[in-house]
Amino acid sequence: MSTTAPIVPGDTPGTRAKLVLGDADFHKLSTDVSGIIERKPTPKYLIGLIAAASILLVMLGSLTTWS
């Protein structure tokens, strides 16, 4: 059983695949990755966040209430 990747025809050792090479530099890669986090949240996300927070508050209220 071999642990190395198979050699693809036309792929020579020491060269990078087109997906890796591309025209991207570190700045473009950084802006693409951070852009996911920095964009405005969608309405679905906000509704889910409010629902989760309200469930958490109900749970905490039921645990701390001494009747």
N, C-alpha and C. Protein backbone atom coordinates (compact mmCIF):
# COMPACT_ATOMS: atom_id res chain seq x y z
N MET A 1 0.84 -1.17 0.00
CA MET A 1 0.00 0.00 0.00
C MET A 1 0.89 1.23 0.00
N SER A 2 0.69 2.09 -0.97
CA SER A 2 1.52 3.27 -1.14
C SER A 2 0.89 4.46 -0.42
N THR A 3 1.74 5.30 0.19
CA THR A 3 1.24 6.47 0.89
C THR A 3 1.40 7.75 0.07
N THR A 4 2.01 7.63 -1.10
CA THR A 4 2.19 8.81 -1.94
C THR A 4 1.04 8.94 -2.92
N ALA A 5 0.82 10.15 -3.39
CA ALA A 5 -0.24 10.39 -4.36
C ALA A 5 0.18 9.86 -5.72
N PRO A 6 -0.75 9.35 -6.50
CA PRO A 6 -0.40 8.84 -7.82
C PRO A 6 0.04 9.99 -8.73
N ILE A 7 0.93 9.68 -9.66
CA ILE A 7 1.39 10.68 -10.62
C ILE A 7 0.38 10.76 -11.75
N VAL A 8 -0.15 11.94 -11.97
CA VAL A 8 -1.12 12.18 -13.02
C VAL A 8 -0.37 12.48 -14.31
N PRO A 9 -0.80 11.91 -15.44
CA PRO A 9 -0.11 12.21 -16.69
C PRO A 9 -0.08 13.72 -16.95
N GLY A 10 1.09 14.24 -17.30
CA GLY A 10 1.26 15.66 -17.54
C GLY A 10 1.65 16.44 -16.30
N ASP A 11 1.65 15.78 -15.15
CA ASP A 11 2.02 16.42 -13.89
C ASP A 11 3.43 15.96 -13.54
N THR A 12 4.36 16.87 -13.59
CA THR A 12 5.73 16.50 -13.29
C THR A 12 6.05 16.82 -11.84
N PRO A 13 6.87 16.03 -11.21
CA PRO A 13 7.24 16.32 -9.82
C PRO A 13 7.91 17.68 -9.71
N GLY A 14 7.63 18.40 -8.65
CA GLY A 14 8.21 19.71 -8.44
C GLY A 14 7.38 20.85 -9.00
N THR A 15 6.29 20.56 -9.69
CA THR A 15 5.43 21.62 -10.20
C THR A 15 4.12 21.59 -9.44
N ARG A 16 3.44 22.71 -9.45
CA ARG A 16 2.17 22.81 -8.74
C ARG A 16 1.01 22.68 -9.71
N ALA A 17 -0.09 22.16 -9.22
CA ALA A 17 -1.29 22.04 -10.04
C ALA A 17 -1.84 23.43 -10.33
N LYS A 18 -2.63 23.54 -11.39
CA LYS A 18 -3.19 24.83 -11.79
C LYS A 18 -4.04 25.44 -10.68
N LEU A 19 -4.75 24.63 -9.93
CA LEU A 19 -5.57 25.13 -8.84
C LEU A 19 -4.70 25.81 -7.79
N VAL A 20 -3.54 25.26 -7.53
CA VAL A 20 -2.65 25.83 -6.53
C VAL A 20 -1.98 27.08 -7.07
N LEU A 21 -1.53 27.03 -8.33
CA LEU A 21 -0.81 28.17 -8.89
C LEU A 21 -1.71 29.37 -9.11
N GLY A 22 -2.70 29.25 -9.94
CA GLY A 22 -3.65 30.33 -10.19
C GLY A 22 -2.98 31.69 -10.31
N ASP A 23 -3.77 32.75 -10.21
CA ASP A 23 -3.20 34.10 -10.24
C ASP A 23 -3.33 34.78 -8.88
N ALA A 24 -3.61 34.00 -7.85
CA ALA A 24 -3.83 34.56 -6.52
C ALA A 24 -2.51 34.79 -5.80
N ASP A 25 -2.45 35.87 -5.05
CA ASP A 25 -1.32 36.11 -4.17
C ASP A 25 -1.83 36.07 -2.73
N PHE A 26 -0.95 36.33 -1.78
CA PHE A 26 -1.35 36.24 -0.38
C PHE A 26 -2.44 37.27 -0.03
N HIS A 27 -2.39 38.45 -0.63
CA HIS A 27 -3.40 39.47 -0.34
C HIS A 27 -4.77 39.03 -0.81
N LYS A 28 -4.87 38.50 -2.02
CA LYS A 28 -6.16 38.03 -2.54
C LYS A 28 -6.69 36.87 -1.70
N LEU A 29 -5.82 35.95 -1.34
CA LEU A 29 -6.23 34.83 -0.51
C LEU A 29 -6.74 35.32 0.84
N SER A 30 -6.03 36.26 1.43
CA SER A 30 -6.42 36.80 2.72
C SER A 30 -7.77 37.52 2.65
N THR A 31 -7.97 38.33 1.60
CA THR A 31 -9.24 39.04 1.48
C THR A 31 -10.39 38.09 1.18
N ASP A 32 -10.14 37.02 0.43
CA ASP A 32 -11.20 36.04 0.15
C ASP A 32 -11.64 35.32 1.42
N VAL A 33 -10.67 34.93 2.24
CA VAL A 33 -11.00 34.18 3.46
C VAL A 33 -11.65 35.10 4.49
N SER A 34 -11.09 36.29 4.70
CA SER A 34 -11.65 37.19 5.70
C SER A 34 -12.98 37.80 5.23
N GLY A 35 -13.22 37.83 3.93
CA GLY A 35 -14.48 38.36 3.42
C GLY A 35 -15.68 37.55 3.86
N ILE A 36 -15.48 36.25 4.08
CA ILE A 36 -16.56 35.39 4.55
C ILE A 36 -17.01 35.82 5.94
N ILE A 37 -16.07 36.15 6.78
CA ILE A 37 -16.37 36.51 8.16
C ILE A 37 -16.87 37.95 8.26
N GLU A 38 -16.38 38.82 7.40
CA GLU A 38 -16.65 40.24 7.54
C GLU A 38 -17.94 40.72 6.87
N ARG A 39 -18.59 39.87 6.10
CA ARG A 39 -19.80 40.37 5.44
C ARG A 39 -20.97 40.43 6.42
N LYS A 40 -21.97 41.20 6.03
CA LYS A 40 -23.14 41.43 6.88
C LYS A 40 -23.92 40.13 7.06
N PRO A 41 -24.39 39.84 8.30
CA PRO A 41 -25.16 38.62 8.52
C PRO A 41 -26.50 38.65 7.79
N THR A 42 -26.92 37.49 7.34
CA THR A 42 -28.18 37.38 6.61
C THR A 42 -29.35 37.36 7.60
N PRO A 43 -30.56 37.66 7.13
CA PRO A 43 -31.73 37.62 8.01
C PRO A 43 -31.96 36.23 8.62
N LYS A 44 -31.68 35.17 7.86
CA LYS A 44 -31.83 33.82 8.41
C LYS A 44 -30.92 33.61 9.61
N TYR A 45 -29.69 34.11 9.50
CA TYR A 45 -28.74 33.97 10.61
C TYR A 45 -29.25 34.72 11.84
N LEU A 46 -29.72 35.94 11.64
CA LEU A 46 -30.19 36.73 12.77
C LEU A 46 -31.42 36.11 13.43
N ILE A 47 -32.33 35.56 12.63
CA ILE A 47 -33.51 34.89 13.20
C ILE A 47 -33.07 33.66 14.00
N GLY A 48 -32.13 32.90 13.47
CA GLY A 48 -31.62 31.74 14.19
C GLY A 48 -30.91 32.12 15.47
N LEU A 49 -30.16 33.22 15.43
CA LEU A 49 -29.46 33.69 16.62
C LEU A 49 -30.45 34.12 17.70
N ILE A 50 -31.49 34.82 17.31
CA ILE A 50 -32.52 35.25 18.27
C ILE A 50 -33.24 34.04 18.85
N ALA A 51 -33.55 33.05 18.01
CA ALA A 51 -34.24 31.84 18.50
C ALA A 51 -33.34 31.08 19.49
N ALA A 52 -32.06 30.94 19.16
CA ALA A 52 -31.15 30.23 20.06
C ALA A 52 -30.98 30.98 21.38
N ALA A 53 -30.88 32.31 21.31
CA ALA A 53 -30.73 33.10 22.53
C ALA A 53 -31.98 33.00 23.41
N SER A 54 -33.15 32.99 22.78
CA SER A 54 -34.37 32.90 23.58
C SER A 54 -34.50 31.52 24.23
N ILE A 55 -34.11 30.47 23.54
CA ILE A 55 -34.13 29.14 24.13
C ILE A 55 -33.15 29.06 25.29
N LEU A 56 -31.97 29.68 25.13
CA LEU A 56 -30.99 29.71 26.21
C LEU A 56 -31.54 30.45 27.42
N LEU A 57 -32.21 31.58 27.20
CA LEU A 57 -32.78 32.33 28.32
C LEU A 57 -33.88 31.55 29.03
N VAL A 58 -34.71 30.83 28.28
CA VAL A 58 -35.75 30.01 28.90
C VAL A 58 -35.11 28.90 29.73
N MET A 59 -34.06 28.29 29.21
CA MET A 59 -33.38 27.23 29.95
C MET A 59 -32.74 27.77 31.23
N LEU A 60 -32.06 28.89 31.12
CA LEU A 60 -31.43 29.49 32.31
C LEU A 60 -32.48 29.93 33.31
N GLY A 61 -33.59 30.46 32.83
CA GLY A 61 -34.67 30.86 33.74
C GLY A 61 -35.28 29.68 34.45
N SER A 62 -35.42 28.56 33.77
CA SER A 62 -36.01 27.38 34.41
C SER A 62 -35.04 26.73 35.39
N LEU A 63 -33.75 26.89 35.17
CA LEU A 63 -32.79 26.31 36.09
C LEU A 63 -32.59 27.17 37.33
N THR A 64 -32.77 28.45 37.21
CA THR A 64 -32.52 29.34 38.35
C THR A 64 -33.77 29.68 39.14
N THR A 65 -34.92 29.30 38.68
CA THR A 65 -36.16 29.60 39.40
C THR A 65 -36.37 28.56 40.49
N TRP A 66 -36.49 29.06 41.72
CA TRP A 66 -36.75 28.16 42.86
C TRP A 66 -38.20 28.39 43.31
N SER A 67 -39.02 27.42 43.02
CA SER A 67 -40.45 27.56 43.38
C SER A 67 -40.73 26.90 44.70
